[in-house]
PDB file of N, CA and C in Angstrom:
ATOM      1  N   MET A   1       0.750  -1.277   0.028  1.00  0.00           N
ATOM      2  CA  MET A   1      -0.008  -0.049  -0.029  1.00  0.00           C
ATOM      3  C   MET A   1       0.874   1.277   0.064  1.00  0.00           C
ATOM      4  N   MET A   2       0.625   2.239  -0.993  1.00  0.00           N
ATOM      5  CA  MET A   2       1.518   3.495  -1.010  1.00  0.00           C
ATOM      6  C   MET A   2       0.535   4.573  -0.572  1.00  0.00           C
ATOM      7  N   THR A   3       1.087   5.469   0.303  1.00  0.00           N
ATOM      8  CA  THR A   3       0.323   6.521   0.613  1.00  0.00           C
ATOM      9  C   THR A   3       1.422   7.794   0.420  1.00  0.00           C
ATOM     10  N   GLY A   4       0.829   9.200   0.350  1.00  0.00           N
ATOM     11  CA  GLY A   4       1.510  10.217   0.275  1.00  0.00           C
ATOM     12  C   GLY A   4       2.259  10.420  -1.053  1.00  0.00           C
ATOM     13  N   LEU A   5       2.016   9.565  -2.096  1.00  0.00           N
ATOM     14  CA  LEU A   5       2.778  10.032  -3.293  1.00  0.00           C
ATOM     15  C   LEU A   5       1.978  10.862  -4.133  1.00  0.00           C
ATOM     16  N   THR A   6       2.631  11.848  -4.721  1.00  0.00           N
ATOM     17  CA  THR A   6       1.725  12.793  -5.683  1.00  0.00           C
ATOM     18  C   THR A   6       2.791  13.072  -6.725  1.00  0.00           C
ATOM     19  N   MET A   7       2.076  12.898  -7.977  1.00  0.00           N
ATOM     20  CA  MET A   7       2.935  13.201  -9.101  1.00  0.00           C
ATOM     21  C   MET A   7       2.167  14.592  -9.607  1.00  0.00           C
ATOM     22  N   VAL A   8       3.136  15.564 -10.021  1.00  0.00           N
ATOM     23  CA  VAL A   8       3.049  16.720 -10.655  1.00  0.00           C
ATOM     24  C   VAL A   8       3.748  16.917 -11.904  1.00  0.00           C
ATOM     25  N   THR A   9       2.838  17.497 -12.765  1.00  0.00           N
ATOM     26  CA  THR A   9       3.501  17.750 -14.099  1.00  0.00           C
ATOM     27  C   THR A   9       3.455  19.401 -14.337  1.00  0.00           C
ATOM     28  N   TYR A  10       4.495  20.163 -14.812  1.00  0.00           N
ATOM     29  CA  TYR A  10       4.129  21.538 -14.884  1.00  0.00           C
ATOM     30  C   TYR A  10       4.659  21.975 -16.150  1.00  0.00           C
ATOM     31  N   LEU A  11       4.160  23.094 -16.655  1.00  0.00           N
ATOM     32  CA  LEU A  11       4.969  23.613 -17.795  1.00  0.00           C
ATOM     33  C   LEU A  11       5.745  24.938 -17.658  1.00  0.00           C
ATOM     34  N   GLU A  12       6.994  25.083 -17.618  1.00  0.00           N
ATOM     35  CA  GLU A  12       7.621  26.539 -17.350  1.00  0.00           C
ATOM     36  C   GLU A  12       7.619  27.326 -18.473  1.00  0.00           C
ATOM     37  N   MET A  13       6.961  28.285 -18.620  1.00  0.00           N
ATOM     38  CA  MET A  13       6.641  29.195 -19.347  1.00  0.00           C
ATOM     39  C   MET A  13       7.795  30.336 -19.681  1.00  0.00           C
ATOM     40  N   PRO A  14       8.099  30.913 -20.632  1.00  0.00           N
ATOM     41  CA  PRO A  14       9.350  31.935 -20.527  1.00  0.00           C
ATOM     42  C   PRO A  14       8.754  33.247 -20.022  1.00  0.00           C
ATOM     43  N   ASP A  15       9.578  33.971 -19.535  1.00  0.00           N
ATOM     44  CA  ASP A  15       9.100  35.337 -19.131  1.00  0.00           C
ATOM     45  C   ASP A  15       8.663  35.967 -20.270  1.00  0.00           C
ATOM     46  N   PHE A  16       7.489  36.740 -19.721  1.00  0.00           N
ATOM     47  CA  PHE A  16       6.826  37.570 -20.859  1.00  0.00           C
ATOM     48  C   PHE A  16       7.116  39.009 -20.550  1.00  0.00           C
ATOM     49  N   LYS A  17       7.697  39.550 -21.444  1.00  0.00           N
ATOM     50  CA  LYS A  17       8.031  41.127 -21.539  1.00  0.00           C
ATOM     51  C   LYS A  17       7.400  41.616 -22.668  1.00  0.00           C
ATOM     52  N   PRO A  18       6.520  42.533 -22.312  1.00  0.00           N
ATOM     53  CA  PRO A  18       5.962  43.241 -23.522  1.00  0.00           C
ATOM     54  C   PRO A  18       6.933  44.211 -24.224  1.00  0.00           C
ATOM     55  N   ASN A  19       6.707  44.217 -25.594  1.00  0.00           N
ATOM     56  CA  ASN A  19       7.528  44.975 -26.254  1.00  0.00           C
ATOM     57  C   ASN A  19       6.561  46.155 -27.068  1.00  0.00           C
ATOM     58  N   GLU A  20       7.258  46.642 -27.948  1.00  0.00           N
ATOM     59  CA  GLU A  20       6.532  47.846 -28.969  1.00  0.00           C
ATOM     60  C   GLU A  20       5.341  46.944 -29.738  1.00  0.00           C
ATOM     61  N   TYR A  21       5.677  45.700 -30.297  1.00  0.00           N
ATOM     62  CA  TYR A  21       4.704  44.771 -30.899  1.00  0.00           C
ATOM     63  C   TYR A  21       3.594  44.497 -29.986  1.00  0.00           C
ATOM     64  N   PHE A  22       3.711  44.057 -28.812  1.00  0.00           N
ATOM     65  CA  PHE A  22       2.762  43.800 -28.086  1.00  0.00           C
ATOM     66  C   PHE A  22       1.896  45.139 -27.835  1.00  0.00           C
ATOM     67  N   TRP A  23       2.240  46.130 -27.380  1.00  0.00           N
ATOM     68  CA  TRP A  23       1.662  47.429 -26.959  1.00  0.00           C
ATOM     69  C   TRP A  23       0.791  48.025 -28.466  1.00  0.00           C
ATOM     70  N   LYS A  24       1.511  47.853 -29.357  1.00  0.00           N
ATOM     71  CA  LYS A  24       0.723  48.102 -30.978  1.00  0.00           C
ATOM     72  C   LYS A  24      -0.418  47.272 -31.267  1.00  0.00           C
ATOM     73  N   ASN A  25      -0.199  46.006 -31.002  1.00  0.00           N
ATOM     74  CA  ASN A  25      -1.444  45.035 -31.132  1.00  0.00           C
ATOM     75  C   ASN A  25      -2.283  44.586 -30.308  1.00  0.00           C
ATOM     76  N   HIS A  26      -1.832  44.696 -28.883  1.00  0.00           N
ATOM     77  CA  HIS A  26      -2.867  44.147 -28.025  1.00  0.00           C
ATOM     78  C   HIS A  26      -3.217  45.252 -26.911  1.00  0.00           C
ATOM     79  N   TRP A  27      -2.934  46.446 -27.326  1.00  0.00           N
ATOM     80  CA  TRP A  27      -3.278  47.487 -26.295  1.00  0.00           C
ATOM     81  C   TRP A  27      -4.032  48.680 -27.058  1.00  0.00           C
ATOM     82  N   ASP A  28      -5.169  48.728 -26.704  1.00  0.00           N
ATOM     83  CA  ASP A  28      -6.204  49.981 -27.248  1.00  0.00           C
ATOM     84  C   ASP A  28      -5.866  51.195 -26.827  1.00  0.00           C
ATOM     85  N   GLY A  29      -5.179  51.565 -25.617  1.00  0.00           N
ATOM     86  CA  GLY A  29      -4.946  52.663 -25.143  1.00  0.00           C
ATOM     87  C   GLY A  29      -5.987  53.281 -24.206  1.00  0.00           C
ATOM     88  N   LYS A  30      -6.956  52.527 -24.132  1.00  0.00           N
ATOM     89  CA  LYS A  30      -8.148  52.834 -23.224  1.00  0.00           C
ATOM     90  C   LYS A  30      -7.835  52.460 -21.896  1.00  0.00           C
ATOM     91  N   GLU A  31      -7.422  51.206 -21.749  1.00  0.00           N
ATOM     92  CA  GLU A  31      -7.028  50.622 -20.385  1.00  0.00           C
ATOM     93  C   GLU A  31      -5.612  51.019 -19.977  1.00  0.00           C
ATOM     94  N   GLU A  32      -5.218  50.822 -18.630  1.00  0.00           N
ATOM     95  CA  GLU A  32      -4.069  50.942 -18.107  1.00  0.00           C
ATOM     96  C   GLU A  32      -3.170  49.737 -18.894  1.00  0.00           C
ATOM     97  N   LYS A  33      -2.062  50.131 -18.862  1.00  0.00           N
ATOM     98  CA  LYS A  33      -1.068  49.161 -19.524  1.00  0.00           C
ATOM     99  C   LYS A  33      -0.832  47.832 -18.621  1.00  0.00           C
ATOM    100  N   TRP A  34      -1.009  48.030 -17.238  1.00  0.00           N
ATOM    101  CA  TRP A  34      -0.863  46.672 -16.533  1.00  0.00           C
ATOM    102  C   TRP A  34      -2.213  45.773 -16.681  1.00  0.00           C
ATOM    103  N   VAL A  35      -3.179  46.352 -16.953  1.00  0.00           N
ATOM    104  CA  VAL A  35      -4.445  45.444 -17.116  1.00  0.00           C
ATOM    105  C   VAL A  35      -4.395  44.855 -18.512  1.00  0.00           C
ATOM    106  N   ALA A  36      -3.667  45.361 -19.613  1.00  0.00           N
ATOM    107  CA  ALA A  36      -3.646  44.787 -20.933  1.00  0.00           C
ATOM    108  C   ALA A  36      -2.501  43.745 -20.708  1.00  0.00           C
ATOM    109  N   PHE A  37      -1.365  43.824 -19.966  1.00  0.00           N
ATOM    110  CA  PHE A  37      -0.301  42.764 -19.500  1.00  0.00           C
ATOM    111  C   PHE A  37      -1.145  41.806 -18.867  1.00  0.00           C
ATOM    112  N   ALA A  38      -1.837  42.078 -18.029  1.00  0.00           N
ATOM    113  CA  ALA A  38      -2.474  40.888 -16.905  1.00  0.00           C
ATOM    114  C   ALA A  38      -3.369  40.214 -17.964  1.00  0.00           C
ATOM    115  N   ARG A  39      -4.417  40.693 -18.692  1.00  0.00           N
ATOM    116  CA  ARG A  39      -5.223  40.070 -19.610  1.00  0.00           C
ATOM    117  C   ARG A  39      -4.496  39.156 -20.660  1.00  0.00           C
ATOM    118  N   ALA A  40      -3.491  39.648 -21.042  1.00  0.00           N
ATOM    119  CA  ALA A  40      -2.726  38.933 -22.166  1.00  0.00           C
ATOM    120  C   ALA A  40      -1.990  37.594 -21.546  1.00  0.00           C
ATOM    121  N   VAL A  41      -1.243  37.738 -20.068  1.00  0.00           N
ATOM    122  CA  VAL A  41      -0.717  36.611 -19.470  1.00  0.00           C
ATOM    123  C   VAL A  41      -1.714  35.684 -19.204  1.00  0.00           C
ATOM    124  N   ARG A  42      -3.082  35.956 -18.789  1.00  0.00           N
ATOM    125  CA  ARG A  42      -4.235  35.140 -18.218  1.00  0.00           C
ATOM    126  C   ARG A  42      -4.533  34.470 -19.432  1.00  0.00           C
ATOM    127  N   VAL A  43      -4.662  34.914 -20.413  1.00  0.00           N
ATOM    128  CA  VAL A  43      -5.250  34.232 -21.707  1.00  0.00           C
ATOM    129  C   VAL A  43      -4.175  33.308 -22.275  1.00  0.00           C
ATOM    130  N   LEU A  44      -2.790  33.646 -22.253  1.00  0.00           N
ATOM    131  CA  LEU A  44      -1.796  32.676 -22.392  1.00  0.00           C
ATOM    132  C   LEU A  44      -1.632  31.535 -21.501  1.00  0.00           C
ATOM    133  N   MET A  45      -1.899  31.640 -20.403  1.00  0.00           N
ATOM    134  CA  MET A  45      -1.850  30.396 -19.338  1.00  0.00           C
ATOM    135  C   MET A  45      -2.940  29.695 -19.789  1.00  0.00           C
ATOM    136  N   ALA A  46      -4.148  30.112 -19.907  1.00  0.00           N
ATOM    137  CA  ALA A  46      -5.324  29.408 -20.034  1.00  0.00           C
ATOM    138  C   ALA A  46      -5.367  28.722 -21.014  1.00  0.00           C
ATOM    139  N   GLU A  47      -4.787  29.151 -22.306  1.00  0.00           N
ATOM    140  CA  GLU A  47      -4.581  28.470 -23.551  1.00  0.00           C
ATOM    141  C   GLU A  47      -3.612  27.338 -23.457  1.00  0.00           C
ATOM    142  N   THR A  48      -2.221  27.600 -22.887  1.00  0.00           N
ATOM    143  CA  THR A  48      -1.458  26.691 -22.693  1.00  0.00           C
ATOM    144  C   THR A  48      -1.792  25.542 -21.759  1.00  0.00           C
ATOM    145  N   GLY A  49      -2.602  25.869 -20.612  1.00  0.00           N
ATOM    146  CA  GLY A  49      -3.055  24.883 -19.772  1.00  0.00           C
ATOM    147  C   GLY A  49      -4.281  23.965 -20.071  1.00  0.00           C
ATOM    148  N   GLY A  50      -5.126  24.524 -21.441  1.00  0.00           N
ATOM    149  CA  GLY A  50      -6.022  23.857 -21.818  1.00  0.00           C
ATOM    150  C   GLY A  50      -7.078  24.148 -20.951  1.00  0.00           C
ATOM    151  N   LEU A  51      -7.425  25.534 -20.196  1.00  0.00           N
ATOM    152  CA  LEU A  51      -8.325  25.731 -19.289  1.00  0.00           C
ATOM    153  C   LEU A  51      -9.531  26.608 -19.831  1.00  0.00           C
ATOM    154  N   LYS A  52     -10.514  26.759 -19.221  1.00  0.00           N
ATOM    155  CA  LYS A  52     -11.431  27.820 -19.804  1.00  0.00           C
ATOM    156  C   LYS A  52     -11.359  29.088 -18.998  1.00  0.00           C
ATOM    157  N   LEU A  53     -11.526  30.233 -19.619  1.00  0.00           N
ATOM    158  CA  LEU A  53     -11.497  31.512 -18.924  1.00  0.00           C
ATOM    159  C   LEU A  53     -12.940  31.664 -18.363  1.00  0.00           C
ATOM    160  N   SER A  54     -12.857  32.131 -17.075  1.00  0.00           N
ATOM    161  CA  SER A  54     -14.132  32.472 -16.385  1.00  0.00           C
ATOM    162  C   SER A  54     -14.069  34.048 -15.906  1.00  0.00           C
ATOM    163  N   ASP A  55     -15.360  34.740 -16.195  1.00  0.00           N
ATOM    164  CA  ASP A  55     -15.297  36.076 -15.642  1.00  0.00           C
ATOM    165  C   ASP A  55     -16.259  36.261 -14.601  1.00  0.00           C
ATOM    166  N   CYS A  56     -16.524  35.279 -13.824  1.00  0.00           N
ATOM    167  CA  CYS A  56     -17.034  35.279 -12.439  1.00  0.00           C
ATOM    168  C   CYS A  56     -16.331  36.195 -11.453  1.00  0.00           C
ATOM    169  N   THR A  57     -16.911  36.837 -10.701  1.00  0.00           N
ATOM    170  CA  THR A  57     -16.388  37.642  -9.701  1.00  0.00           C
ATOM    171  C   THR A  57     -16.116  36.706  -8.367  1.00  0.00           C
ATOM    172  N   LEU A  58     -15.178  37.224  -7.424  1.00  0.00           N
ATOM    173  CA  LEU A  58     -14.742  36.618  -6.418  1.00  0.00           C
ATOM    174  C   LEU A  58     -16.374  36.375  -5.415  1.00  0.00           C
ATOM    175  N   GLU A  59     -17.008  37.335  -5.493  1.00  0.00           N
ATOM    176  CA  GLU A  59     -18.342  37.057  -4.747  1.00  0.00           C
ATOM    177  C   GLU A  59     -19.076  36.088  -5.227  1.00  0.00           C
ATOM    178  N   ASP A  60     -19.272  35.811  -6.536  1.00  0.00           N
ATOM    179  CA  ASP A  60     -19.906  34.773  -7.159  1.00  0.00           C
ATOM    180  C   ASP A  60     -19.332  33.389  -6.900  1.00  0.00           C
ATOM    181  N   LYS A  61     -18.040  33.300  -6.870  1.00  0.00           N
ATOM    182  CA  LYS A  61     -17.325  32.157  -6.481  1.00  0.00           C
ATOM    183  C   LYS A  61     -17.640  31.808  -5.239  1.00  0.00           C
ATOM    184  N   ILE A  62     -17.753  32.579  -4.122  1.00  0.00           N
ATOM    185  CA  ILE A  62     -17.862  32.396  -2.698  1.00  0.00           C
ATOM    186  C   ILE A  62     -19.251  31.913  -2.472  1.00  0.00           C
ATOM    187  N   GLU A  63     -20.329  32.691  -3.254  1.00  0.00           N
ATOM    188  CA  GLU A  63     -21.638  32.286  -2.994  1.00  0.00           C
ATOM    189  C   GLU A  63     -21.797  30.766  -3.806  1.00  0.00           C
ATOM    190  N   TYR A  64     -21.361  30.395  -4.749  1.00  0.00           N
ATOM    191  CA  TYR A  64     -21.364  29.222  -5.425  1.00  0.00           C
ATOM    192  C   TYR A  64     -21.098  28.052  -4.288  1.00  0.00           C
ATOM    193  N   LYS A  65     -19.712  28.375  -3.875  1.00  0.00           N
ATOM    194  CA  LYS A  65     -19.050  27.424  -2.803  1.00  0.00           C
ATOM    195  C   LYS A  65     -20.087  27.089  -1.773  1.00  0.00           C
ATOM    196  N   ASN A  66     -20.573  28.255  -1.151  1.00  0.00           N
ATOM    197  CA  ASN A  66     -21.415  28.185   0.112  1.00  0.00           C
ATOM    198  C   ASN A  66     -22.746  27.304  -0.214  1.00  0.00           C
ATOM    199  N   LEU A  67     -23.096  27.465  -1.414  1.00  0.00           N
ATOM    200  CA  LEU A  67     -24.625  26.989  -1.801  1.00  0.00           C
ATOM    201  C   LEU A  67     -24.297  25.327  -2.121  1.00  0.00           C
ATOM    202  N   VAL A  68     -23.184  24.939  -2.555  1.00  0.00           N
ATOM    203  CA  VAL A  68     -22.949  23.682  -2.895  1.00  0.00           C
ATOM    204  C   VAL A  68     -22.704  22.927  -1.422  1.00  0.00           C
ATOM    205  N   ARG A  69     -21.873  23.735  -0.674  1.00  0.00           N
ATOM    206  CA  ARG A  69     -21.863  23.155   0.731  1.00  0.00           C
ATOM    207  C   ARG A  69     -22.864  23.258   1.822  1.00  0.00           C
ATOM    208  N   GLY A  70     -23.785  23.720   1.252  1.00  0.00           N
ATOM    209  CA  GLY A  70     -24.974  24.119   2.040  1.00  0.00           C
ATOM    210  C   GLY A  70     -24.810  24.902   3.301  1.00  0.00           C
ATOM    211  N   LYS A  71     -23.965  25.594   3.226  1.00  0.00           N
ATOM    212  CA  LYS A  71     -23.702  26.568   4.333  1.00  0.00           C
ATOM    213  C   LYS A  71     -24.728  27.705   4.611  1.00  0.00           C
ATOM    214  N   LYS A  72     -25.152  28.454   3.645  1.00  0.00           N
ATOM    215  CA  LYS A  72     -25.850  29.450   3.916  1.00  0.00           C
ATOM    216  C   LYS A  72     -26.494  30.029   2.852  1.00  0.00           C
ATOM    217  N   GLN A  73     -27.387  30.958   2.976  1.00  0.00           N
ATOM    218  CA  GLN A  73     -28.307  31.552   1.589  1.00  0.00           C
ATOM    219  C   GLN A  73     -27.396  32.410   0.920  1.00  0.00           C
ATOM    220  N   PRO A  74     -27.553  32.330  -0.467  1.00  0.00           N
ATOM    221  CA  PRO A  74     -26.726  33.322  -1.512  1.00  0.00           C
ATOM    222  C   PRO A  74     -26.557  34.810  -0.792  1.00  0.00           C
ATOM    223  N   LEU A  75     -25.470  35.100  -1.169  1.00  0.00           N
ATOM    224  CA  LEU A  75     -25.157  36.699  -0.754  1.00  0.00           C
ATOM    225  C   LEU A  75     -25.996  37.696  -1.593  1.00  0.00           C
ATOM    226  N   LYS A  76     -26.489  38.529  -0.625  1.00  0.00           N
ATOM    227  CA  LYS A  76     -27.335  39.568  -1.428  1.00  0.00           C
ATOM    228  C   LYS A  76     -26.446  40.914  -1.772  1.00  0.00           C
ATOM    229  N   LYS A  77     -26.798  41.088  -2.960  1.00  0.00           N
ATOM    230  CA  LYS A  77     -25.909  42.172  -3.795  1.00  0.00           C
ATOM    231  C   LYS A  77     -26.319  43.412  -3.242  1.00  0.00           C
ATOM    232  N   GLN A  78     -25.402  44.148  -2.937  1.00  0.00           N
ATOM    233  CA  GLN A  78     -25.415  45.470  -2.400  1.00  0.00           C
ATOM    234  C   GLN A  78     -25.814  46.506  -3.697  1.00  0.00           C
ATOM    235  N   GLU A  79     -26.640  47.292  -3.630  1.00  0.00           N
ATOM    236  CA  GLU A  79     -26.986  48.309  -4.609  1.00  0.00           C
ATOM    237  C   GLU A  79     -26.236  49.412  -4.540  1.00  0.00           C
TER     238      GLU A  79
END
């Protein structure tokens, strides 16, 4: 009987440093540069890992988790 054995596979991606091409083709100038950079890195990580992107808020995730666990009623949205 084997216990405590965990296998992990990971892909190390190269450093992502935005250059003129990146700013010219992936930044519309309406959002802050860090937002464009974060969005691009998020998409690259999802595509590389075969993951789906989700636009759920943290509050949505907490509410879902609580509902699944039967802990409490859904959070009430503040107006």
